[in-house]
Amino acid sequence: MTRRAHTLAHALALLLAACSPADGERGRPVGARPADSLAPSDAVTGSLPLEQPPRDVASTGAFAHPDIRESSAAVRSFSHAGVYWTLNDSGNDERLFAFDTAGRDLGAVRITGARNRDWEAMATGPCPEGRCLVVGDVGDNLARHETVTLWRVPEPAPPGAGREVASAPARALALRFPDGPRDVEALWMDADTAVWLVTKREVRGDDGARQRAQVYRLPARAWDAAAPVVAELVDSLPHVATRNRRTLITDAALSNPFGDSAQVSRLAVRTYELLLVFETEPGSGRPLKLVGHCALDALDERQGEGVAWLPDGRVLLTSEKRRAPLHALRCP
């Protein structure tokens, strides 16, 4: 099969699969949307179009820090110009790494009091301390963990090349999903201090049909709970994850997490080889209209997992492996 035929067949398969309802009412919190309202969504609009080529593609550099081996998320700092953060996933230390778009080492921060079972996601947003980073210990490939954890710390200053410092003590938030364990590698925060999460891999309903990627929300008050909090299932995306790794969602980033009224807000959601871009609800991180669907196959990524917004409206993409390359591009 030619590359073009493969792309068309893949897109047709997604379109045919993207109409199955979400399942599961077990443990649903008060105020959650009924599962059968999740497909087709009355909030996220726009069918999944054929994949588009990205624009303004550029290789910006490569990770210089030798300990960045499994970059599983990327976050732009809104406190320190030109600074970005990444992390390693399971089997690694509880550290965040600061870098710039060329990949230069800007230092490492060890998160005090946290544990890295499987760190797979990270976001920035407002918090009582000002501006915080939230790390998602939410990876669960086999969907067997009833409870997963978010770690929140005030964003530190990057310590500088070759240096490492400890963060302020991390605050933990234990959470469960209302429909049972879920594998998640993408989260974002919004100006309301809510945390949003989206499922990574294939999820099937009671009838065996594949569901659209499910979107969950944790309100700001969740951080005050003593017991595990049940995330609210609020919507779905016009994307269906299958066993094909191309469709597995690995990161997400909101372009305007602090609610700057002068900025347009967009949500980028990436898979290993695709990028989806959504308009979002004003003042919220809720995805609305799908405005971009780009193929990332041509990039030199061993295992593309991270995405962050650049100030000029492009996205920065990161990948696993030591000295992994960084790429910037626009979609659409």
C-alpha atoms as a PDB file:
ATOM      1  CA  MET A   1       0.000   0.000   0.000  1.00  0.00           C
ATOM      2  CA  THR A   2       1.342   3.448  -0.859  1.00  0.00           C
ATOM      3  CA  ARG A   3       1.888   6.054   1.835  1.00  0.00           C
ATOM      4  CA  ARG A   4      -0.986   8.174   0.458  1.00  0.00           C
ATOM      5  CA  ALA A   5      -3.327   5.172   0.327  1.00  0.00           C
ATOM      6  CA  HIS A   6      -2.350   4.236   3.878  1.00  0.00           C
ATOM      7  CA  THR A   7      -3.100   7.772   5.076  1.00  0.00           C
ATOM      8  CA  LEU A   8      -6.513   7.814   3.372  1.00  0.00           C
ATOM      9  CA  ALA A   9      -7.406   4.392   4.717  1.00  0.00           C
ATOM     10  CA  HIS A  10      -6.352   5.394   8.217  1.00  0.00           C
ATOM     11  CA  ALA A  11      -8.426   8.579   8.123  1.00  0.00           C
ATOM     12  CA  LEU A  12     -11.483   6.679   6.834  1.00  0.00           C
ATOM     13  CA  ALA A  13     -11.129   4.140   9.633  1.00  0.00           C
ATOM     14  CA  LEU A  14     -11.069   6.922  12.227  1.00  0.00           C
ATOM     15  CA  LEU A  15     -14.154   8.567  10.726  1.00  0.00           C
ATOM     16  CA  LEU A  16     -16.091   5.299  10.783  1.00  0.00           C
ATOM     17  CA  ALA A  17     -15.039   4.542  14.346  1.00  0.00           C
ATOM     18  CA  ALA A  18     -15.625   7.982  15.823  1.00  0.00           C
ATOM     19  CA  CYS A  19     -19.316   7.598  16.584  1.00  0.00           C
ATOM     20  CA  SER A  20     -19.408   5.040  19.410  1.00  0.00           C
ATOM     21  CA  PRO A  21     -20.684   6.238  22.799  1.00  0.00           C
ATOM     22  CA  ALA A  22     -18.655   6.243  25.991  1.00  0.00           C
ATOM     23  CA  ASP A  23     -19.465   3.621  28.583  1.00  0.00           C
ATOM     24  CA  GLY A  24     -19.482   3.222  32.308  1.00  0.00           C
ATOM     25  CA  GLU A  25     -21.492   4.918  35.032  1.00  0.00           C
ATOM     26  CA  ARG A  26     -19.647   3.300  37.974  1.00  0.00           C
ATOM     27  CA  GLY A  27     -18.496   5.896  40.474  1.00  0.00           C
ATOM     28  CA  ARG A  28     -19.743   8.824  38.361  1.00  0.00           C
ATOM     29  CA  PRO A  29     -19.641  12.060  40.410  1.00  0.00           C
ATOM     30  CA  VAL A  30     -22.591  14.412  40.716  1.00  0.00           C
ATOM     31  CA  GLY A  31     -22.755  16.759  37.742  1.00  0.00           C
ATOM     32  CA  ALA A  32     -20.915  14.527  35.270  1.00  0.00           C
ATOM     33  CA  ARG A  33     -22.293  14.344  31.758  1.00  0.00           C
ATOM     34  CA  PRO A  34     -24.178  11.155  30.835  1.00  0.00           C
ATOM     35  CA  ALA A  35     -21.967   8.730  28.961  1.00  0.00           C
ATOM     36  CA  ASP A  36     -24.279   8.567  25.954  1.00  0.00           C
ATOM     37  CA  SER A  37     -23.831  12.332  25.414  1.00  0.00           C
ATOM     38  CA  LEU A  38     -20.163  11.908  24.604  1.00  0.00           C
ATOM     39  CA  ALA A  39     -20.568  10.902  20.964  1.00  0.00           C
ATOM     40  CA  PRO A  40     -21.269  12.872  18.963  1.00  0.00           C
ATOM     41  CA  SER A  41     -20.157  15.651  21.315  1.00  0.00           C
ATOM     42  CA  ASP A  42     -22.280  18.774  21.614  1.00  0.00           C
ATOM     43  CA  ALA A  43     -19.199  20.789  22.605  1.00  0.00           C
ATOM     44  CA  VAL A  44     -16.305  19.519  20.490  1.00  0.00           C
ATOM     45  CA  THR A  45     -17.330  20.147  16.886  1.00  0.00           C
ATOM     46  CA  GLY A  46     -15.790  19.353  13.551  1.00  0.00           C
ATOM     47  CA  SER A  47     -15.305  15.910  12.063  1.00  0.00           C
ATOM     48  CA  LEU A  48     -11.810  14.527  11.798  1.00  0.00           C
ATOM     49  CA  PRO A  49     -10.485  15.787   8.436  1.00  0.00           C
ATOM     50  CA  LEU A  50      -7.843  14.140   6.315  1.00  0.00           C
ATOM     51  CA  GLU A  51      -4.371  14.651   7.702  1.00  0.00           C
ATOM     52  CA  GLN A  52      -2.639  17.847   6.629  1.00  0.00           C
ATOM     53  CA  PRO A  53       1.086  18.468   6.289  1.00  0.00           C
ATOM     54  CA  PRO A  54       2.425  20.767   9.028  1.00  0.00           C
ATOM     55  CA  ARG A  55       3.806  24.180   8.055  1.00  0.00           C
ATOM     56  CA  ASP A  56       6.988  26.059   8.953  1.00  0.00           C
ATOM     57  CA  VAL A  57       8.695  22.870  10.101  1.00  0.00           C
ATOM     58  CA  ALA A  58      12.135  23.428  11.604  1.00  0.00           C
ATOM     59  CA  SER A  59      14.628  21.375  13.574  1.00  0.00           C
ATOM     60  CA  THR A  60      15.586  23.667  16.457  1.00  0.00           C
ATOM     61  CA  GLY A  61      18.219  21.575  18.219  1.00  0.00           C
ATOM     62  CA  ALA A  62      18.571  18.509  20.438  1.00  0.00           C
ATOM     63  CA  PHE A  63      18.567  17.811  24.172  1.00  0.00           C
ATOM     64  CA  ALA A  64      22.001  18.520  25.625  1.00  0.00           C
ATOM     65  CA  HIS A  65      21.456  17.155  29.147  1.00  0.00           C
ATOM     66  CA  PRO A  66      22.672  13.525  29.100  1.00  0.00           C
ATOM     67  CA  ASP A  67      20.032  12.414  31.621  1.00  0.00           C
ATOM     68  CA  ILE A  68      17.079  13.367  29.415  1.00  0.00           C
ATOM     69  CA  ARG A  69      16.447   9.943  27.938  1.00  0.00           C
ATOM     70  CA  GLU A  70      12.673   9.513  27.923  1.00  0.00           C
ATOM     71  CA  SER A  71      11.125  12.962  27.459  1.00  0.00           C
ATOM     72  CA  SER A  72       7.445  12.185  27.991  1.00  0.00           C
ATOM     73  CA  ALA A  73       6.042  15.710  28.285  1.00  0.00           C
ATOM     74  CA  ALA A  74       6.990  19.296  27.559  1.00  0.00           C
ATOM     75  CA  VAL A  75       5.850  22.557  29.152  1.00  0.00           C
ATOM     76  CA  ARG A  76       6.558  26.191  28.329  1.00  0.00           C
ATOM     77  CA  SER A  77       7.430  28.416  31.288  1.00  0.00           C
ATOM     78  CA  PHE A  78       5.317  31.573  31.548  1.00  0.00           C
ATOM     79  CA  SER A  79       7.547  32.869  34.354  1.00  0.00           C
ATOM     80  CA  HIS A  80      10.952  32.585  32.693  1.00  0.00           C
ATOM     81  CA  ALA A  81      11.229  33.660  29.059  1.00  0.00           C
ATOM     82  CA  GLY A  82      12.661  31.068  26.723  1.00  0.00           C
ATOM     83  CA  VAL A  83      12.525  28.260  29.299  1.00  0.00           C
ATOM     84  CA  TYR A  84      10.811  24.895  28.836  1.00  0.00           C
ATOM     85  CA  TRP A  85      10.510  21.888  31.132  1.00  0.00           C
ATOM     86  CA  THR A  86      10.506  18.163  30.505  1.00  0.00           C
ATOM     87  CA  LEU A  87      10.656  14.934  32.539  1.00  0.00           C
ATOM     88  CA  ASN A  88      11.534  11.262  32.234  1.00  0.00           C
ATOM     89  CA  ASP A  89       8.928   8.570  32.763  1.00  0.00           C
ATOM     90  CA  SER A  90       8.954   5.335  34.796  1.00  0.00           C
ATOM     91  CA  GLY A  91      12.232   3.961  36.104  1.00  0.00           C
ATOM     92  CA  ASN A  92      13.762   7.422  36.442  1.00  0.00           C
ATOM     93  CA  ASP A  93      14.355   9.945  39.206  1.00  0.00           C
ATOM     94  CA  GLU A  94      11.846  12.559  40.372  1.00  0.00           C
ATOM     95  CA  ARG A  95      13.466  15.365  38.382  1.00  0.00           C
ATOM     96  CA  LEU A  96      12.368  18.080  35.972  1.00  0.00           C
ATOM     97  CA  PHE A  97      14.793  19.373  33.371  1.00  0.00           C
ATOM     98  CA  ALA A  98      14.903  22.956  32.110  1.00  0.00           C
ATOM     99  CA  PHE A  99      15.961  23.580  28.518  1.00  0.00           C
ATOM    100  CA  ASP A 100      15.517  26.088  25.689  1.00  0.00           C
ATOM    101  CA  THR A 101      14.315  25.571  22.125  1.00  0.00           C
ATOM    102  CA  ALA A 102      17.850  24.670  21.033  1.00  0.00           C
ATOM    103  CA  GLY A 103      17.890  21.936  23.687  1.00  0.00           C
ATOM    104  CA  ARG A 104      20.560  23.629  25.812  1.00  0.00           C
ATOM    105  CA  ASP A 105      20.784  22.451  29.421  1.00  0.00           C
ATOM    106  CA  LEU A 106      19.328  25.017  31.857  1.00  0.00           C
ATOM    107  CA  GLY A 107      19.565  22.811  34.945  1.00  0.00           C
ATOM    108  CA  ALA A 108      17.514  20.205  36.794  1.00  0.00           C
ATOM    109  CA  VAL A 109      15.089  20.361  39.733  1.00  0.00           C
ATOM    110  CA  ARG A 110      14.403  17.434  42.044  1.00  0.00           C
ATOM    111  CA  ILE A 111      10.761  17.414  43.175  1.00  0.00           C
ATOM    112  CA  THR A 112      10.717  17.227  46.966  1.00  0.00           C
ATOM    113  CA  GLY A 113       8.433  14.563  48.417  1.00  0.00           C
ATOM    114  CA  ALA A 114       7.259  13.162  45.082  1.00  0.00           C
ATOM    115  CA  ARG A 115       7.515   9.636  43.684  1.00  0.00           C
ATOM    116  CA  ASN A 116       7.916   8.667  40.047  1.00  0.00           C
ATOM    117  CA  ARG A 117       5.907   5.514  39.433  1.00  0.00           C
ATOM    118  CA  ASP A 118       5.197   6.472  35.812  1.00  0.00           C
ATOM    119  CA  TRP A 119       5.425  10.202  35.139  1.00  0.00           C
ATOM    120  CA  GLU A 120       3.871  10.739  31.717  1.00  0.00           C
ATOM    121  CA  ALA A 121       2.340  14.232  31.711  1.00  0.00           C
ATOM    122  CA  MET A 122       2.997  17.771  32.889  1.00  0.00           C
ATOM    123  CA  ALA A 123       1.301  21.170  32.708  1.00  0.00           C
ATOM    124  CA  THR A 124       1.585  24.716  34.003  1.00  0.00           C
ATOM    125  CA  GLY A 125      -1.105  26.985  35.354  1.00  0.00           C
ATOM    126  CA  PRO A 126      -2.242  29.209  38.223  1.00  0.00           C
ATOM    127  CA  CYS A 127      -2.246  27.976  41.816  1.00  0.00           C
ATOM    128  CA  PRO A 128      -2.532  29.537  45.296  1.00  0.00           C
ATOM    129  CA  GLU A 129       1.256  29.990  45.320  1.00  0.00           C
ATOM    130  CA  GLY A 130       1.173  31.855  41.996  1.00  0.00           C
ATOM    131  CA  ARG A 131       2.305  29.770  39.024  1.00  0.00           C
ATOM    132  CA  CYS A 132       2.758  26.043  39.399  1.00  0.00           C
ATOM    133  CA  LEU A 133       3.867  22.956  37.541  1.00  0.00           C
ATOM    134  CA  VAL A 134       1.686  19.859  37.788  1.00  0.00           C
ATOM    135  CA  VAL A 135       3.278  16.479  37.107  1.00  0.00           C
ATOM    136  CA  GLY A 136       0.995  13.594  36.217  1.00  0.00           C
ATOM    137  CA  ASP A 137       2.002  10.208  37.635  1.00  0.00           C
ATOM    138  CA  VAL A 138      -0.819   8.850  35.499  1.00  0.00           C
ATOM    139  CA  GLY A 139       0.785   6.352  33.106  1.00  0.00           C
ATOM    140  CA  ASP A 140      -1.023   3.015  33.316  1.00  0.00           C
ATOM    141  CA  ASN A 141      -0.415   0.916  30.204  1.00  0.00           C
ATOM    142  CA  LEU A 142      -2.418  -2.042  31.499  1.00  0.00           C
ATOM    143  CA  ALA A 143      -5.182   0.109  33.081  1.00  0.00           C
ATOM    144  CA  ARG A 144      -4.916  -1.610  36.441  1.00  0.00           C
ATOM    145  CA  HIS A 145      -4.275   1.213  38.942  1.00  0.00           C
ATOM    146  CA  GLU A 146      -7.464   2.292  40.718  1.00  0.00           C
ATOM    147  CA  THR A 147      -5.748   5.462  41.955  1.00  0.00           C
ATOM    148  CA  VAL A 148      -3.131   7.681  40.301  1.00  0.00           C
ATOM    149  CA  THR A 149      -1.430  10.859  41.507  1.00  0.00           C
ATOM    150  CA  LEU A 150      -0.803  14.444  40.459  1.00  0.00           C
ATOM    151  CA  TRP A 151       2.102  16.363  42.034  1.00  0.00           C
ATOM    152  CA  ARG A 152       1.981  20.190  42.170  1.00  0.00           C
ATOM    153  CA  VAL A 153       4.873  22.536  42.962  1.00  0.00           C
ATOM    154  CA  PRO A 154       5.417  26.286  42.523  1.00  0.00           C
ATOM    155  CA  GLU A 155       7.429  26.686  39.356  1.00  0.00           C
ATOM    156  CA  PRO A 156      11.107  27.025  40.319  1.00  0.00           C
ATOM    157  CA  ALA A 157      13.676  29.164  38.576  1.00  0.00           C
ATOM    158  CA  PRO A 158      15.938  27.125  36.302  1.00  0.00           C
ATOM    159  CA  PRO A 159      19.198  26.693  38.230  1.00  0.00           C
ATOM    160  CA  GLY A 160      21.501  26.896  35.213  1.00  0.00           C
ATOM    161  CA  ALA A 161      23.554  24.497  33.144  1.00  0.00           C
ATOM    162  CA  GLY A 162      25.091  21.626  35.064  1.00  0.00           C
ATOM    163  CA  ARG A 163      23.304  22.489  38.308  1.00  0.00           C
ATOM    164  CA  GLU A 164      20.553  20.724  40.254  1.00  0.00           C
ATOM    165  CA  VAL A 165      18.372  22.067  43.088  1.00  0.00           C
ATOM    166  CA  ALA A 166      15.435  20.803  45.154  1.00  0.00           C
ATOM    167  CA  SER A 167      11.932  22.182  44.718  1.00  0.00           C
ATOM    168  CA  ALA A 168       9.525  23.313  47.399  1.00  0.00           C
ATOM    169  CA  PRO A 169       7.614  20.361  48.884  1.00  0.00           C
ATOM    170  CA  ALA A 170       5.197  18.891  46.353  1.00  0.00           C
ATOM    171  CA  ARG A 171       1.486  18.713  47.021  1.00  0.00           C
ATOM    172  CA  ALA A 172      -0.212  15.426  46.054  1.00  0.00           C
ATOM    173  CA  LEU A 173      -3.681  14.889  44.612  1.00  0.00           C
ATOM    174  CA  ALA A 174      -4.901  11.295  44.419  1.00  0.00           C
ATOM    175  CA  LEU A 175      -7.569  10.658  41.800  1.00  0.00           C
ATOM    176  CA  ARG A 176      -9.701   7.932  40.302  1.00  0.00           C
ATOM    177  CA  PHE A 177     -11.544   7.799  37.009  1.00  0.00           C
ATOM    178  CA  PRO A 178     -15.314   7.301  37.219  1.00  0.00           C
ATOM    179  CA  ASP A 179     -15.346   4.415  34.734  1.00  0.00           C
ATOM    180  CA  GLY A 180     -12.424   2.452  36.110  1.00  0.00           C
ATOM    181  CA  PRO A 181      -8.649   2.644  35.555  1.00  0.00           C
ATOM    182  CA  ARG A 182      -7.519   4.558  32.477  1.00  0.00           C
ATOM    183  CA  ASP A 183      -4.141   5.011  30.791  1.00  0.00           C
ATOM    184  CA  VAL A 184      -3.433   8.748  30.512  1.00  0.00           C
ATOM    185  CA  GLU A 185      -0.387  10.599  29.190  1.00  0.00           C
ATOM    186  CA  ALA A 186      -1.878  14.034  28.467  1.00  0.00           C
ATOM    187  CA  LEU A 187      -3.069  16.762  30.818  1.00  0.00           C
ATOM    188  CA  TRP A 188      -3.372  20.552  30.869  1.00  0.00           C
ATOM    189  CA  MET A 189      -4.395  23.314  33.277  1.00  0.00           C
ATOM    190  CA  ASP A 190      -6.539  26.386  32.665  1.00  0.00           C
ATOM    191  CA  ALA A 191      -7.052  29.834  34.173  1.00  0.00           C
ATOM    192  CA  ASP A 192      -9.734  28.452  36.505  1.00  0.00           C
ATOM    193  CA  THR A 193      -6.974  26.222  37.985  1.00  0.00           C
ATOM    194  CA  ALA A 194      -8.827  23.144  36.762  1.00  0.00           C
ATOM    195  CA  VAL A 195      -6.829  20.151  35.542  1.00  0.00           C
ATOM    196  CA  TRP A 196      -7.942  18.340  32.376  1.00  0.00           C
ATOM    197  CA  LEU A 197      -6.904  14.830  31.320  1.00  0.00           C
ATOM    198  CA  VAL A 198      -7.494  12.763  28.170  1.00  0.00           C
ATOM    199  CA  THR A 199      -7.180   9.019  27.649  1.00  0.00           C
ATOM    200  CA  LYS A 200      -4.227   7.640  25.695  1.00  0.00           C
ATOM    201  CA  ARG A 201      -5.177   4.291  24.246  1.00  0.00           C
ATOM    202  CA  GLU A 202      -8.064   2.184  23.032  1.00  0.00           C
ATOM    203  CA  VAL A 203     -11.132   2.135  25.279  1.00  0.00           C
ATOM    204  CA  ARG A 204     -14.116  -0.041  24.479  1.00  0.00           C
ATOM    205  CA  GLY A 205     -17.713   0.267  25.626  1.00  0.00           C
ATOM    206  CA  ASP A 206     -19.941  -2.455  27.010  1.00  0.00           C
ATOM    207  CA  ASP A 207     -20.891  -3.373  23.449  1.00  0.00           C
ATOM    208  CA  GLY A 208     -17.239  -3.802  22.485  1.00  0.00           C
ATOM    209  CA  ALA A 209     -17.178  -0.757  20.233  1.00  0.00           C
ATOM    210  CA  ARG A 210     -14.210   1.610  20.384  1.00  0.00           C
ATOM    211  CA  GLN A 211     -14.901   4.895  22.122  1.00  0.00           C
ATOM    212  CA  ARG A 212     -13.643   8.334  21.303  1.00  0.00           C
ATOM    213  CA  ALA A 213     -10.802   9.682  23.453  1.00  0.00           C
ATOM    214  CA  GLN A 214     -12.377  10.665  26.758  1.00  0.00           C
ATOM    215  CA  VAL A 215     -11.831  14.020  28.480  1.00  0.00           C
ATOM    216  CA  TYR A 216     -11.912  14.334  32.284  1.00  0.00           C
ATOM    217  CA  ARG A 217     -11.798  17.405  34.530  1.00  0.00           C
ATOM    218  CA  LEU A 218     -10.697  18.064  38.114  1.00  0.00           C
ATOM    219  CA  PRO A 219     -11.873  21.404  39.577  1.00  0.00           C
ATOM    220  CA  ALA A 220      -9.601  23.594  41.692  1.00  0.00           C
ATOM    221  CA  ARG A 221     -11.238  22.401  44.931  1.00  0.00           C
ATOM    222  CA  ALA A 222     -10.000  18.862  44.246  1.00  0.00           C
ATOM    223  CA  TRP A 223      -6.600  19.832  45.705  1.00  0.00           C
ATOM    224  CA  ASP A 224      -8.249  20.311  49.116  1.00  0.00           C
ATOM    225  CA  ALA A 225      -9.646  16.775  49.300  1.00  0.00           C
ATOM    226  CA  ALA A 226      -8.203  14.354  51.826  1.00  0.00           C
ATOM    227  CA  ALA A 227      -9.423  11.226  50.003  1.00  0.00           C
ATOM    228  CA  PRO A 228      -8.960  10.289  46.342  1.00  0.00           C
ATOM    229  CA  VAL A 229     -11.072  12.495  44.079  1.00  0.00           C
ATOM    230  CA  VAL A 230     -13.212  11.126  41.259  1.00  0.00           C
ATOM    231  CA  ALA A 231     -12.447  12.978  38.030  1.00  0.00           C
ATOM    232  CA  GLU A 232     -15.492  14.177  36.123  1.00  0.00           C
ATOM    233  CA  LEU A 233     -16.031  12.710  32.654  1.00  0.00           C
ATOM    234  CA  VAL A 234     -17.030  15.815  30.693  1.00  0.00           C
ATOM    235  CA  ASP A 235     -16.587  15.164  26.996  1.00  0.00           C
ATOM    236  CA  SER A 236     -14.754  13.316  24.235  1.00  0.00           C
ATOM    237  CA  LEU A 237     -12.541  14.243  21.309  1.00  0.00           C
ATOM    238  CA  PRO A 238     -13.201  13.447  17.630  1.00  0.00           C
ATOM    239  CA  HIS A 239     -10.364  10.930  17.744  1.00  0.00           C
ATOM    240  CA  VAL A 240     -10.445   7.202  18.350  1.00  0.00           C
ATOM    241  CA  ALA A 241      -7.378   5.459  19.724  1.00  0.00           C
ATOM    242  CA  THR A 242      -6.803   1.956  18.356  1.00  0.00           C
ATOM    243  CA  ARG A 243      -4.051  -0.585  18.844  1.00  0.00           C
ATOM    244  CA  ASN A 244      -2.140   1.237  16.128  1.00  0.00           C
ATOM    245  CA  ARG A 245       0.501   3.264  17.994  1.00  0.00           C
ATOM    246  CA  ARG A 246       0.003   6.102  15.520  1.00  0.00           C
ATOM    247  CA  THR A 247      -3.304   6.913  17.255  1.00  0.00           C
ATOM    248  CA  LEU A 248      -2.151   6.760  20.907  1.00  0.00           C
ATOM    249  CA  ILE A 249      -2.357  10.165  22.663  1.00  0.00           C
ATOM    250  CA  THR A 250       0.929  11.028  24.380  1.00  0.00           C
ATOM    251  CA  ASP A 251       0.718  14.705  25.445  1.00  0.00           C
ATOM    252  CA  ALA A 252      -1.339  17.897  25.344  1.00  0.00           C
ATOM    253  CA  ALA A 253      -0.710  21.608  25.906  1.00  0.00           C
ATOM    254  CA  LEU A 254      -2.925  24.674  26.331  1.00  0.00           C
ATOM    255  CA  SER A 255      -1.513  27.837  24.771  1.00  0.00           C
ATOM    256  CA  ASN A 256      -3.100  30.264  27.260  1.00  0.00           C
ATOM    257  CA  PRO A 257      -3.286  28.575  30.694  1.00  0.00           C
ATOM    258  CA  PHE A 258      -3.296  31.868  32.615  1.00  0.00           C
ATOM    259  CA  GLY A 259      -6.283  33.354  30.773  1.00  0.00           C
ATOM    260  CA  ASP A 260      -4.601  36.323  29.091  1.00  0.00           C
ATOM    261  CA  SER A 261      -7.547  38.062  27.380  1.00  0.00           C
ATOM    262  CA  ALA A 262      -5.247  39.382  24.646  1.00  0.00           C
ATOM    263  CA  GLN A 263      -4.330  35.866  23.533  1.00  0.00           C
ATOM    264  CA  VAL A 264      -6.272  33.315  21.531  1.00  0.00           C
ATOM    265  CA  SER A 265      -6.361  29.986  23.335  1.00  0.00           C
ATOM    266  CA  ARG A 266      -5.623  26.734  21.539  1.00  0.00           C
ATOM    267  CA  LEU A 267      -5.232  23.169  22.742  1.00  0.00           C
ATOM    268  CA  ALA A 268      -2.641  20.913  21.074  1.00  0.00           C
ATOM    269  CA  VAL A 269      -3.082  17.159  21.497  1.00  0.00           C
ATOM    270  CA  ARG A 270      -0.427  14.867  20.060  1.00  0.00           C
ATOM    271  CA  THR A 271      -0.053  11.172  19.371  1.00  0.00           C
ATOM    272  CA  TYR A 272       3.174   9.468  18.390  1.00  0.00           C
ATOM    273  CA  GLU A 273       2.638  10.577  14.787  1.00  0.00           C
ATOM    274  CA  LEU A 274      -0.296  13.014  14.690  1.00  0.00           C
ATOM    275  CA  LEU A 275      -1.126  16.481  16.030  1.00  0.00           C
ATOM    276  CA  LEU A 276      -4.665  17.760  16.663  1.00  0.00           C
ATOM    277  CA  VAL A 277      -5.353  21.438  17.423  1.00  0.00           C
ATOM    278  CA  PHE A 278      -8.592  22.720  18.968  1.00  0.00           C
ATOM    279  CA  GLU A 279     -10.106  26.079  19.750  1.00  0.00           C
ATOM    280  CA  THR A 280     -11.025  26.184  23.440  1.00  0.00           C
ATOM    281  CA  GLU A 281     -13.832  27.684  25.461  1.00  0.00           C
ATOM    282  CA  PRO A 282     -12.967  31.254  26.589  1.00  0.00           C
ATOM    283  CA  GLY A 283     -11.528  31.232  30.095  1.00  0.00           C
ATOM    284  CA  SER A 284     -11.532  27.452  30.162  1.00  0.00           C
ATOM    285  CA  GLY A 285      -9.429  24.578  28.949  1.00  0.00           C
ATOM    286  CA  ARG A 286     -12.414  22.830  27.390  1.00  0.00           C
ATOM    287  CA  PRO A 287     -11.752  21.858  23.760  1.00  0.00           C
ATOM    288  CA  LEU A 288     -14.295  23.101  21.233  1.00  0.00           C
ATOM    289  CA  LYS A 289     -13.777  23.226  17.467  1.00  0.00           C
ATOM    290  CA  LEU A 290     -11.122  21.070  15.817  1.00  0.00           C
ATOM    291  CA  VAL A 291      -9.045  23.386  13.604  1.00  0.00           C
ATOM    292  CA  GLY A 292      -5.975  21.304  12.734  1.00  0.00           C
ATOM    293  CA  HIS A 293      -5.044  17.662  12.093  1.00  0.00           C
ATOM    294  CA  CYS A 294      -1.437  17.209  10.983  1.00  0.00           C
ATOM    295  CA  ALA A 295       0.776  14.224  10.235  1.00  0.00           C
ATOM    296  CA  LEU A 296       4.141  14.091  12.002  1.00  0.00           C
ATOM    297  CA  ASP A 297       5.542  11.054  10.190  1.00  0.00           C
ATOM    298  CA  ALA A 298       8.261  13.001   8.425  1.00  0.00           C
ATOM    299  CA  LEU A 299       9.912  14.181  11.640  1.00  0.00           C
ATOM    300  CA  ASP A 300      13.008  12.476  12.977  1.00  0.00           C
ATOM    301  CA  GLU A 301      11.340  11.282  16.179  1.00  0.00           C
ATOM    302  CA  ARG A 302      12.145   7.934  17.716  1.00  0.00           C
ATOM    303  CA  GLN A 303       9.050   8.094  19.924  1.00  0.00           C
ATOM    304  CA  GLY A 304       7.361  11.488  19.872  1.00  0.00           C
ATOM    305  CA  GLU A 305       5.730  12.228  23.217  1.00  0.00           C
ATOM    306  CA  GLY A 306       5.983  15.909  24.201  1.00  0.00           C
ATOM    307  CA  VAL A 307       4.278  19.077  22.948  1.00  0.00           C
ATOM    308  CA  ALA A 308       4.442  22.698  24.147  1.00  0.00           C
ATOM    309  CA  TRP A 309       3.392  26.019  22.631  1.00  0.00           C
ATOM    310  CA  LEU A 310       5.919  28.570  21.441  1.00  0.00           C
ATOM    311  CA  PRO A 311       5.118  32.286  21.875  1.00  0.00           C
ATOM    312  CA  ASP A 312       4.765  32.726  18.087  1.00  0.00           C
ATOM    313  CA  GLY A 313       1.917  30.204  17.782  1.00  0.00           C
ATOM    314  CA  ARG A 314       3.999  27.236  16.678  1.00  0.00           C
ATOM    315  CA  VAL A 315       4.365  24.104  18.767  1.00  0.00           C
ATOM    316  CA  LEU A 316       7.579  22.548  20.041  1.00  0.00           C
ATOM    317  CA  LEU A 317       7.759  18.752  19.866  1.00  0.00           C
ATOM    318  CA  THR A 318       9.998  16.460  21.927  1.00  0.00           C
ATOM    319  CA  SER A 319      10.833  12.784  21.634  1.00  0.00           C
ATOM    320  CA  GLU A 320      12.317   9.980  23.697  1.00  0.00           C
ATOM    321  CA  LYS A 321      15.992   8.910  23.431  1.00  0.00           C
ATOM    322  CA  ARG A 322      19.208  10.551  24.582  1.00  0.00           C
ATOM    323  CA  ARG A 323      20.109  13.678  22.588  1.00  0.00           C
ATOM    324  CA  ALA A 324      16.668  13.536  20.977  1.00  0.00           C
ATOM    325  CA  PRO A 325      15.934  16.220  18.359  1.00  0.00           C
ATOM    326  CA  LEU A 326      13.477  19.092  18.906  1.00  0.00           C
ATOM    327  CA  HIS A 327      11.111  20.343  16.217  1.00  0.00           C
ATOM    328  CA  ALA A 328       8.915  23.399  15.790  1.00  0.00           C
ATOM    329  CA  LEU A 329       5.960  23.633  13.394  1.00  0.00           C
ATOM    330  CA  ARG A 330       2.501  25.042  12.746  1.00  0.00           C
ATOM    331  CA  CYS A 331      -0.732  23.070  12.403  1.00  0.00           C
ATOM    332  CA  PRO A 332      -2.644  23.817  10.268  1.00  0.00           C
END
